[in-house]
Amino acid sequence: MLSIIGLVLAFLLPPVGLILSIIALVQLGKARAPRGLAIAGIVVGAILTILAIIGIILLVTVLAGVIGMCAELGPGVWDVGGVTYRCG
């Protein structure tokens, strides 16, 4: 049951699904039960967590660039290298 919940949450909340799937894997290993769903939850949760971290890093990098450019240009609408900045 925990492995199913872990797999579903791996798609919705990847870090939580990853943790629950790891817990399920340990429990199923002790019970010598099939562990396929728990492993799938770990794989999906790990991949989506890594992609989310990369996305957050890219978002912060882009926002820092825009904020830095607006700090240099000042308030107004600016066209720099074909990119329009609205700073205000």
PDB file of N, CA and C in Angstrom:
ATOM      1  N   MET A   1       0.828  -1.199   0.000  1.00  0.00           N
ATOM      2  CA  MET A   1       0.000   0.000   0.000  1.00  0.00           C
ATOM      3  C   MET A   1       0.871   1.261   0.000  1.00  0.00           C
ATOM      4  N   LEU A   2       1.905   1.258   0.848  1.00  0.00           N
ATOM      5  CA  LEU A   2       2.778   2.424   0.940  1.00  0.00           C
ATOM      6  C   LEU A   2       3.533   2.645  -0.373  1.00  0.00           C
ATOM      7  N   SER A   3       3.850   1.564  -1.062  1.00  0.00           N
ATOM      8  CA  SER A   3       4.569   1.719  -2.333  1.00  0.00           C
ATOM      9  C   SER A   3       3.672   2.360  -3.397  1.00  0.00           C
ATOM     10  N   ILE A   4       2.371   2.060  -3.366  1.00  0.00           N
ATOM     11  CA  ILE A   4       1.437   2.686  -4.316  1.00  0.00           C
ATOM     12  C   ILE A   4       1.318   4.173  -4.025  1.00  0.00           C
ATOM     13  N   ILE A   5       1.188   4.515  -2.757  1.00  0.00           N
ATOM     14  CA  ILE A   5       1.104   5.926  -2.359  1.00  0.00           C
ATOM     15  C   ILE A   5       2.394   6.653  -2.737  1.00  0.00           C
ATOM     16  N   GLY A   6       3.530   6.001  -2.512  1.00  0.00           N
ATOM     17  CA  GLY A   6       4.814   6.601  -2.869  1.00  0.00           C
ATOM     18  C   GLY A   6       4.934   6.853  -4.356  1.00  0.00           C
ATOM     19  N   LEU A   7       4.462   5.895  -5.161  1.00  0.00           N
ATOM     20  CA  LEU A   7       4.532   6.061  -6.616  1.00  0.00           C
ATOM     21  C   LEU A   7       3.621   7.190  -7.084  1.00  0.00           C
ATOM     22  N   VAL A   8       2.412   7.261  -6.558  1.00  0.00           N
ATOM     23  CA  VAL A   8       1.492   8.335  -6.941  1.00  0.00           C
ATOM     24  C   VAL A   8       2.053   9.689  -6.527  1.00  0.00           C
ATOM     25  N   LEU A   9       2.555   9.776  -5.300  1.00  0.00           N
ATOM     26  CA  LEU A   9       3.109  11.049  -4.832  1.00  0.00           C
ATOM     27  C   LEU A   9       4.404  11.414  -5.551  1.00  0.00           C
ATOM     28  N   ALA A  10       5.089  10.433  -6.119  1.00  0.00           N
ATOM     29  CA  ALA A  10       6.307  10.726  -6.888  1.00  0.00           C
ATOM     30  C   ALA A  10       5.985  11.609  -8.082  1.00  0.00           C
ATOM     31  N   PHE A  11       4.758  11.500  -8.615  1.00  0.00           N
ATOM     32  CA  PHE A  11       4.343  12.357  -9.725  1.00  0.00           C
ATOM     33  C   PHE A  11       3.829  13.707  -9.236  1.00  0.00           C
ATOM     34  N   LEU A  12       3.185  13.723  -8.071  1.00  0.00           N
ATOM     35  CA  LEU A  12       2.559  14.955  -7.579  1.00  0.00           C
ATOM     36  C   LEU A  12       3.510  15.794  -6.726  1.00  0.00           C
ATOM     37  N   LEU A  13       4.189  15.164  -5.796  1.00  0.00           N
ATOM     38  CA  LEU A  13       5.168  15.820  -4.913  1.00  0.00           C
ATOM     39  C   LEU A  13       6.416  14.938  -4.882  1.00  0.00           C
ATOM     40  N   PRO A  14       7.287  15.086  -5.872  1.00  0.00           N
ATOM     41  CA  PRO A  14       8.400  14.149  -6.045  1.00  0.00           C
ATOM     42  C   PRO A  14       9.259  13.879  -4.805  1.00  0.00           C
ATOM     43  N   PRO A  15       9.661  14.892  -4.031  1.00  0.00           N
ATOM     44  CA  PRO A  15      10.494  14.563  -2.860  1.00  0.00           C
ATOM     45  C   PRO A  15       9.756  13.691  -1.837  1.00  0.00           C
ATOM     46  N   VAL A  16       8.472  13.966  -1.624  1.00  0.00           N
ATOM     47  CA  VAL A  16       7.690  13.182  -0.669  1.00  0.00           C
ATOM     48  C   VAL A  16       7.507  11.761  -1.195  1.00  0.00           C
ATOM     49  N   GLY A  17       7.191  11.632  -2.469  1.00  0.00           N
ATOM     50  CA  GLY A  17       7.047  10.315  -3.078  1.00  0.00           C
ATOM     51  C   GLY A  17       8.333   9.513  -3.028  1.00  0.00           C
ATOM     52  N   LEU A  18       9.451  10.189  -3.225  1.00  0.00           N
ATOM     53  CA  LEU A  18      10.755   9.526  -3.163  1.00  0.00           C
ATOM     54  C   LEU A  18      10.992   8.958  -1.762  1.00  0.00           C
ATOM     55  N   ILE A  19      10.746   9.749  -0.748  1.00  0.00           N
ATOM     56  CA  ILE A  19      10.962   9.307   0.633  1.00  0.00           C
ATOM     57  C   ILE A  19      10.038   8.148   0.987  1.00  0.00           C
ATOM     58  N   LEU A  20       8.752   8.268   0.646  1.00  0.00           N
ATOM     59  CA  LEU A  20       7.811   7.191   0.949  1.00  0.00           C
ATOM     60  C   LEU A  20       8.160   5.911   0.195  1.00  0.00           C
ATOM     61  N   SER A  21       8.631   6.040  -1.021  1.00  0.00           N
ATOM     62  CA  SER A  21       9.010   4.861  -1.803  1.00  0.00           C
ATOM     63  C   SER A  21      10.238   4.180  -1.200  1.00  0.00           C
ATOM     64  N   ILE A  22      11.162   4.946  -0.682  1.00  0.00           N
ATOM     65  CA  ILE A  22      12.332   4.361  -0.015  1.00  0.00           C
ATOM     66  C   ILE A  22      11.900   3.614   1.242  1.00  0.00           C
ATOM     67  N   ILE A  23      11.008   4.227   2.017  1.00  0.00           N
ATOM     68  CA  ILE A  23      10.494   3.564   3.219  1.00  0.00           C
ATOM     69  C   ILE A  23       9.774   2.267   2.834  1.00  0.00           C
ATOM     70  N   ALA A  24       8.961   2.323   1.779  1.00  0.00           N
ATOM     71  CA  ALA A  24       8.245   1.129   1.319  1.00  0.00           C
ATOM     72  C   ALA A  24       9.218   0.046   0.863  1.00  0.00           C
ATOM     73  N   LEU A  25      10.276   0.430   0.181  1.00  0.00           N
ATOM     74  CA  LEU A  25      11.263  -0.539  -0.292  1.00  0.00           C
ATOM     75  C   LEU A  25      11.904  -1.273   0.880  1.00  0.00           C
ATOM     76  N   VAL A  26      12.252  -0.534   1.919  1.00  0.00           N
ATOM     77  CA  VAL A  26      12.862  -1.149   3.101  1.00  0.00           C
ATOM     78  C   VAL A  26      11.876  -2.120   3.755  1.00  0.00           C
ATOM     79  N   GLN A  27      10.630  -1.678   3.910  1.00  0.00           N
ATOM     80  CA  GLN A  27       9.623  -2.535   4.541  1.00  0.00           C
ATOM     81  C   GLN A  27       9.350  -3.783   3.703  1.00  0.00           C
ATOM     82  N   LEU A  28       9.253  -3.625   2.402  1.00  0.00           N
ATOM     83  CA  LEU A  28       9.004  -4.773   1.533  1.00  0.00           C
ATOM     84  C   LEU A  28      10.205  -5.714   1.500  1.00  0.00           C
ATOM     85  N   GLY A  29      11.398  -5.170   1.611  1.00  0.00           N
ATOM     86  CA  GLY A  29      12.593  -6.008   1.658  1.00  0.00           C
ATOM     87  C   GLY A  29      12.616  -6.881   2.893  1.00  0.00           C
ATOM     88  N   LYS A  30      12.200  -6.310   4.029  1.00  0.00           N
ATOM     89  CA  LYS A  30      12.142  -7.086   5.268  1.00  0.00           C
ATOM     90  C   LYS A  30      11.066  -8.165   5.196  1.00  0.00           C
ATOM     91  N   ALA A  31       9.976  -7.870   4.501  1.00  0.00           N
ATOM     92  CA  ALA A  31       8.868  -8.818   4.385  1.00  0.00           C
ATOM     93  C   ALA A  31       9.074  -9.782   3.214  1.00  0.00           C
ATOM     94  N   ARG A  32      10.127  -9.594   2.453  1.00  0.00           N
ATOM     95  CA  ARG A  32      10.427 -10.402   1.265  1.00  0.00           C
ATOM     96  C   ARG A  32       9.245 -10.430   0.299  1.00  0.00           C
ATOM     97  N   ALA A  33       8.683  -9.243   0.076  1.00  0.00           N
ATOM     98  CA  ALA A  33       7.556  -9.079  -0.839  1.00  0.00           C
ATOM     99  C   ALA A  33       8.057  -8.414  -2.127  1.00  0.00           C
ATOM    100  N   PRO A  34       7.284  -8.479  -3.196  1.00  0.00           N
ATOM    101  CA  PRO A  34       7.690  -7.813  -4.444  1.00  0.00           C
ATOM    102  C   PRO A  34       7.894  -6.312  -4.232  1.00  0.00           C
ATOM    103  N   ARG A  35       8.959  -5.792  -4.828  1.00  0.00           N
ATOM    104  CA  ARG A  35       9.334  -4.398  -4.575  1.00  0.00           C
ATOM    105  C   ARG A  35       9.255  -3.519  -5.811  1.00  0.00           C
ATOM    106  N   GLY A  36       8.613  -3.988  -6.870  1.00  0.00           N
ATOM    107  CA  GLY A  36       8.596  -3.263  -8.139  1.00  0.00           C
ATOM    108  C   GLY A  36       8.010  -1.869  -8.063  1.00  0.00           C
ATOM    109  N   LEU A  37       6.863  -1.708  -7.405  1.00  0.00           N
ATOM    110  CA  LEU A  37       6.243  -0.382  -7.315  1.00  0.00           C
ATOM    111  C   LEU A  37       7.093   0.580  -6.499  1.00  0.00           C
ATOM    112  N   ALA A  38       7.721   0.063  -5.452  1.00  0.00           N
ATOM    113  CA  ALA A  38       8.582   0.926  -4.639  1.00  0.00           C
ATOM    114  C   ALA A  38       9.785   1.403  -5.446  1.00  0.00           C
ATOM    115  N   ILE A  39      10.365   0.523  -6.231  1.00  0.00           N
ATOM    116  CA  ILE A  39      11.504   0.908  -7.070  1.00  0.00           C
ATOM    117  C   ILE A  39      11.069   1.916  -8.125  1.00  0.00           C
ATOM    118  N   ALA A  40       9.904   1.699  -8.720  1.00  0.00           N
ATOM    119  CA  ALA A  40       9.392   2.655  -9.706  1.00  0.00           C
ATOM    120  C   ALA A  40       9.174   4.026  -9.063  1.00  0.00           C
ATOM    121  N   GLY A  41       8.635   4.049  -7.844  1.00  0.00           N
ATOM    122  CA  GLY A  41       8.437   5.312  -7.132  1.00  0.00           C
ATOM    123  C   GLY A  41       9.750   6.018  -6.852  1.00  0.00           C
ATOM    124  N   ILE A  42      10.774   5.242  -6.526  1.00  0.00           N
ATOM    125  CA  ILE A  42      12.099   5.834  -6.267  1.00  0.00           C
ATOM    126  C   ILE A  42      12.663   6.442  -7.549  1.00  0.00           C
ATOM    127  N   VAL A  43      12.562   5.718  -8.646  1.00  0.00           N
ATOM    128  CA  VAL A  43      13.109   6.208  -9.920  1.00  0.00           C
ATOM    129  C   VAL A  43      12.374   7.473 -10.364  1.00  0.00           C
ATOM    130  N   VAL A  44      11.045   7.419 -10.375  1.00  0.00           N
ATOM    131  CA  VAL A  44      10.252   8.575 -10.807  1.00  0.00           C
ATOM    132  C   VAL A  44      10.487   9.754  -9.864  1.00  0.00           C
ATOM    133  N   GLY A  45      10.446   9.504  -8.557  1.00  0.00           N
ATOM    134  CA  GLY A  45      10.650  10.577  -7.579  1.00  0.00           C
ATOM    135  C   GLY A  45      12.021  11.216  -7.706  1.00  0.00           C
ATOM    136  N   ALA A  46      13.052  10.391  -7.918  1.00  0.00           N
ATOM    137  CA  ALA A  46      14.413  10.930  -8.036  1.00  0.00           C
ATOM    138  C   ALA A  46      14.563  11.770  -9.305  1.00  0.00           C
ATOM    139  N   ILE A  47      14.066  11.256 -10.420  1.00  0.00           N
ATOM    140  CA  ILE A  47      14.196  11.991 -11.686  1.00  0.00           C
ATOM    141  C   ILE A  47      13.436  13.317 -11.626  1.00  0.00           C
ATOM    142  N   LEU A  48      12.199  13.285 -11.140  1.00  0.00           N
ATOM    143  CA  LEU A  48      11.411  14.519 -11.091  1.00  0.00           C
ATOM    144  C   LEU A  48      11.956  15.503 -10.050  1.00  0.00           C
ATOM    145  N   THR A  49      12.522  15.000  -8.965  1.00  0.00           N
ATOM    146  CA  THR A  49      13.142  15.892  -7.979  1.00  0.00           C
ATOM    147  C   THR A  49      14.357  16.585  -8.589  1.00  0.00           C
ATOM    148  N   ILE A  50      15.178  15.835  -9.311  1.00  0.00           N
ATOM    149  CA  ILE A  50      16.359  16.430  -9.963  1.00  0.00           C
ATOM    150  C   ILE A  50      15.931  17.464 -11.005  1.00  0.00           C
ATOM    151  N   LEU A  51      14.911  17.138 -11.796  1.00  0.00           N
ATOM    152  CA  LEU A  51      14.427  18.101 -12.792  1.00  0.00           C
ATOM    153  C   LEU A  51      13.866  19.360 -12.134  1.00  0.00           C
ATOM    154  N   ALA A  52      13.187  19.205 -11.003  1.00  0.00           N
ATOM    155  CA  ALA A  52      12.660  20.373 -10.287  1.00  0.00           C
ATOM    156  C   ALA A  52      13.802  21.244  -9.761  1.00  0.00           C
ATOM    157  N   ILE A  53      14.839  20.618  -9.243  1.00  0.00           N
ATOM    158  CA  ILE A  53      15.992  21.380  -8.740  1.00  0.00           C
ATOM    159  C   ILE A  53      16.662  22.136  -9.888  1.00  0.00           C
ATOM    160  N   ILE A  54      16.840  21.484 -11.026  1.00  0.00           N
ATOM    161  CA  ILE A  54      17.438  22.151 -12.192  1.00  0.00           C
ATOM    162  C   ILE A  54      16.557  23.319 -12.642  1.00  0.00           C
ATOM    163  N   GLY A  55      15.243  23.114 -12.666  1.00  0.00           N
ATOM    164  CA  GLY A  55      14.321  24.187 -13.041  1.00  0.00           C
ATOM    165  C   GLY A  55      14.397  25.379 -12.108  1.00  0.00           C
ATOM    166  N   ILE A  56      14.495  25.118 -10.811  1.00  0.00           N
ATOM    167  CA  ILE A  56      14.598  26.207  -9.834  1.00  0.00           C
ATOM    168  C   ILE A  56      15.904  26.970 -10.032  1.00  0.00           C
ATOM    169  N   ILE A  57      16.988  26.246 -10.274  1.00  0.00           N
ATOM    170  CA  ILE A  57      18.283  26.904 -10.504  1.00  0.00           C
ATOM    171  C   ILE A  57      18.221  27.786 -11.759  1.00  0.00           C
ATOM    172  N   LEU A  58      17.613  27.272 -12.824  1.00  0.00           N
ATOM    173  CA  LEU A  58      17.494  28.064 -14.053  1.00  0.00           C
ATOM    174  C   LEU A  58      16.625  29.296 -13.837  1.00  0.00           C
ATOM    175  N   LEU A  59      15.523  29.139 -13.123  1.00  0.00           N
ATOM    176  CA  LEU A  59      14.636  30.267 -12.843  1.00  0.00           C
ATOM    177  C   LEU A  59      15.347  31.352 -12.041  1.00  0.00           C
ATOM    178  N   VAL A  60      16.076  30.953 -11.024  1.00  0.00           N
ATOM    179  CA  VAL A  60      16.814  31.926 -10.207  1.00  0.00           C
ATOM    180  C   VAL A  60      17.882  32.621 -11.041  1.00  0.00           C
ATOM    181  N   THR A  61      18.555  31.877 -11.913  1.00  0.00           N
ATOM    182  CA  THR A  61      19.589  32.462 -12.766  1.00  0.00           C
ATOM    183  C   THR A  61      18.998  33.498 -13.719  1.00  0.00           C
ATOM    184  N   VAL A  62      17.874  33.165 -14.346  1.00  0.00           N
ATOM    185  CA  VAL A  62      17.228  34.102 -15.276  1.00  0.00           C
ATOM    186  C   VAL A  62      16.747  35.339 -14.533  1.00  0.00           C
ATOM    187  N   LEU A  63      16.095  35.143 -13.391  1.00  0.00           N
ATOM    188  CA  LEU A  63      15.617  36.299 -12.615  1.00  0.00           C
ATOM    189  C   LEU A  63      16.767  37.182 -12.141  1.00  0.00           C
ATOM    190  N   ALA A  64      17.874  36.576 -11.757  1.00  0.00           N
ATOM    191  CA  ALA A  64      19.028  37.365 -11.329  1.00  0.00           C
ATOM    192  C   ALA A  64      19.574  38.194 -12.495  1.00  0.00           C
ATOM    193  N   GLY A  65      19.574  37.613 -13.693  1.00  0.00           N
ATOM    194  CA  GLY A  65      20.029  38.354 -14.867  1.00  0.00           C
ATOM    195  C   GLY A  65      19.135  39.533 -15.185  1.00  0.00           C
ATOM    196  N   VAL A  66      17.826  39.326 -15.103  1.00  0.00           N
ATOM    197  CA  VAL A  66      16.887  40.414 -15.383  1.00  0.00           C
ATOM    198  C   VAL A  66      17.005  41.503 -14.318  1.00  0.00           C
ATOM    199  N   ILE A  67      17.089  41.104 -13.070  1.00  0.00           N
ATOM    200  CA  ILE A  67      17.221  42.097 -11.989  1.00  0.00           C
ATOM    201  C   ILE A  67      18.526  42.867 -12.135  1.00  0.00           C
ATOM    202  N   GLY A  68      19.603  42.163 -12.494  1.00  0.00           N
ATOM    203  CA  GLY A  68      20.882  42.836 -12.696  1.00  0.00           C
ATOM    204  C   GLY A  68      20.831  43.813 -13.863  1.00  0.00           C
ATOM    205  N   MET A  69      20.173  43.415 -14.942  1.00  0.00           N
ATOM    206  CA  MET A  69      20.059  44.297 -16.102  1.00  0.00           C
ATOM    207  C   MET A  69      19.230  45.524 -15.750  1.00  0.00           C
ATOM    208  N   CYS A  70      18.146  45.349 -15.032  1.00  0.00           N
ATOM    209  CA  CYS A  70      17.311  46.485 -14.636  1.00  0.00           C
ATOM    210  C   CYS A  70      18.045  47.395 -13.659  1.00  0.00           C
ATOM    211  N   ALA A  71      18.910  46.821 -12.842  1.00  0.00           N
ATOM    212  CA  ALA A  71      19.695  47.650 -11.926  1.00  0.00           C
ATOM    213  C   ALA A  71      20.651  48.540 -12.715  1.00  0.00           C
ATOM    214  N   GLU A  72      21.191  48.034 -13.811  1.00  0.00           N
ATOM    215  CA  GLU A  72      22.091  48.824 -14.651  1.00  0.00           C
ATOM    216  C   GLU A  72      21.345  49.878 -15.464  1.00  0.00           C
ATOM    217  N   LEU A  73      20.186  49.506 -16.020  1.00  0.00           N
ATOM    218  CA  LEU A  73      19.472  50.394 -16.934  1.00  0.00           C
ATOM    219  C   LEU A  73      18.639  51.454 -16.222  1.00  0.00           C
ATOM    220  N   GLY A  74      18.074  51.120 -15.087  1.00  0.00           N
ATOM    221  CA  GLY A  74      17.191  52.044 -14.393  1.00  0.00           C
ATOM    222  C   GLY A  74      15.755  51.871 -14.859  1.00  0.00           C
ATOM    223  N   PRO A  75      14.839  52.666 -14.292  1.00  0.00           N
ATOM    224  CA  PRO A  75      13.412  52.516 -14.641  1.00  0.00           C
ATOM    225  C   PRO A  75      13.134  52.896 -16.086  1.00  0.00           C
ATOM    226  N   GLY A  76      12.131  52.215 -16.658  1.00  0.00           N
ATOM    227  CA  GLY A  76      11.721  52.519 -18.030  1.00  0.00           C
ATOM    228  C   GLY A  76      11.640  51.264 -18.862  1.00  0.00           C
ATOM    229  N   VAL A  77      11.429  51.477 -20.161  1.00  0.00           N
ATOM    230  CA  VAL A  77      11.375  50.373 -21.117  1.00  0.00           C
ATOM    231  C   VAL A  77      12.622  50.474 -21.982  1.00  0.00           C
ATOM    232  N   TRP A  78      13.366  49.390 -22.038  1.00  0.00           N
ATOM    233  CA  TRP A  78      14.648  49.394 -22.734  1.00  0.00           C
ATOM    234  C   TRP A  78      14.706  48.244 -23.723  1.00  0.00           C
ATOM    235  N   ASP A  79      15.335  48.483 -24.859  1.00  0.00           N
ATOM    236  CA  ASP A  79      15.573  47.447 -25.856  1.00  0.00           C
ATOM    237  C   ASP A  79      17.084  47.235 -25.939  1.00  0.00           C
ATOM    238  N   VAL A  80      17.538  46.067 -25.456  1.00  0.00           N
ATOM    239  CA  VAL A  80      18.960  45.769 -25.440  1.00  0.00           C
ATOM    240  C   VAL A  80      19.186  44.462 -26.214  1.00  0.00           C
ATOM    241  N   GLY A  81      19.858  44.569 -27.325  1.00  0.00           N
ATOM    242  CA  GLY A  81      20.175  43.387 -28.126  1.00  0.00           C
ATOM    243  C   GLY A  81      18.942  42.631 -28.592  1.00  0.00           C
ATOM    244  N   GLY A  82      17.873  43.343 -28.904  1.00  0.00           N
ATOM    245  CA  GLY A  82      16.657  42.702 -29.366  1.00  0.00           C
ATOM    246  C   GLY A  82      15.759  42.175 -28.262  1.00  0.00           C
ATOM    247  N   VAL A  83      16.141  42.407 -27.012  1.00  0.00           N
ATOM    248  CA  VAL A  83      15.329  41.975 -25.862  1.00  0.00           C
ATOM    249  C   VAL A  83      14.774  43.218 -25.195  1.00  0.00           C
ATOM    250  N   THR A  84      13.469  43.222 -24.946  1.00  0.00           N
ATOM    251  CA  THR A  84      12.831  44.377 -24.293  1.00  0.00           C
ATOM    252  C   THR A  84      12.759  44.125 -22.802  1.00  0.00           C
ATOM    253  N   TYR A  85      13.268  45.089 -22.024  1.00  0.00           N
ATOM    254  CA  TYR A  85      13.223  45.054 -20.568  1.00  0.00           C
ATOM    255  C   TYR A  85      12.291  46.134 -20.086  1.00  0.00           C
ATOM    256  N   ARG A  86      11.379  45.792 -19.221  1.00  0.00           N
ATOM    257  CA  ARG A  86      10.502  46.766 -18.567  1.00  0.00           C
ATOM    258  C   ARG A  86      10.903  46.819 -17.112  1.00  0.00           C
ATOM    259  N   CYS A  87      11.594  47.875 -16.761  1.00  0.00           N
ATOM    260  CA  CYS A  87      12.110  48.024 -15.401  1.00  0.00           C
ATOM    261  C   CYS A  87      11.314  49.097 -14.690  1.00  0.00           C
ATOM    262  N   GLY A  88      11.025  48.863 -13.456  1.00  0.00           N
ATOM    263  CA  GLY A  88      10.216  49.874 -12.846  1.00  0.00           C
ATOM    264  C   GLY A  88      10.280  49.949 -11.410  1.00  0.00           C
TER     265      GLY A  88
END
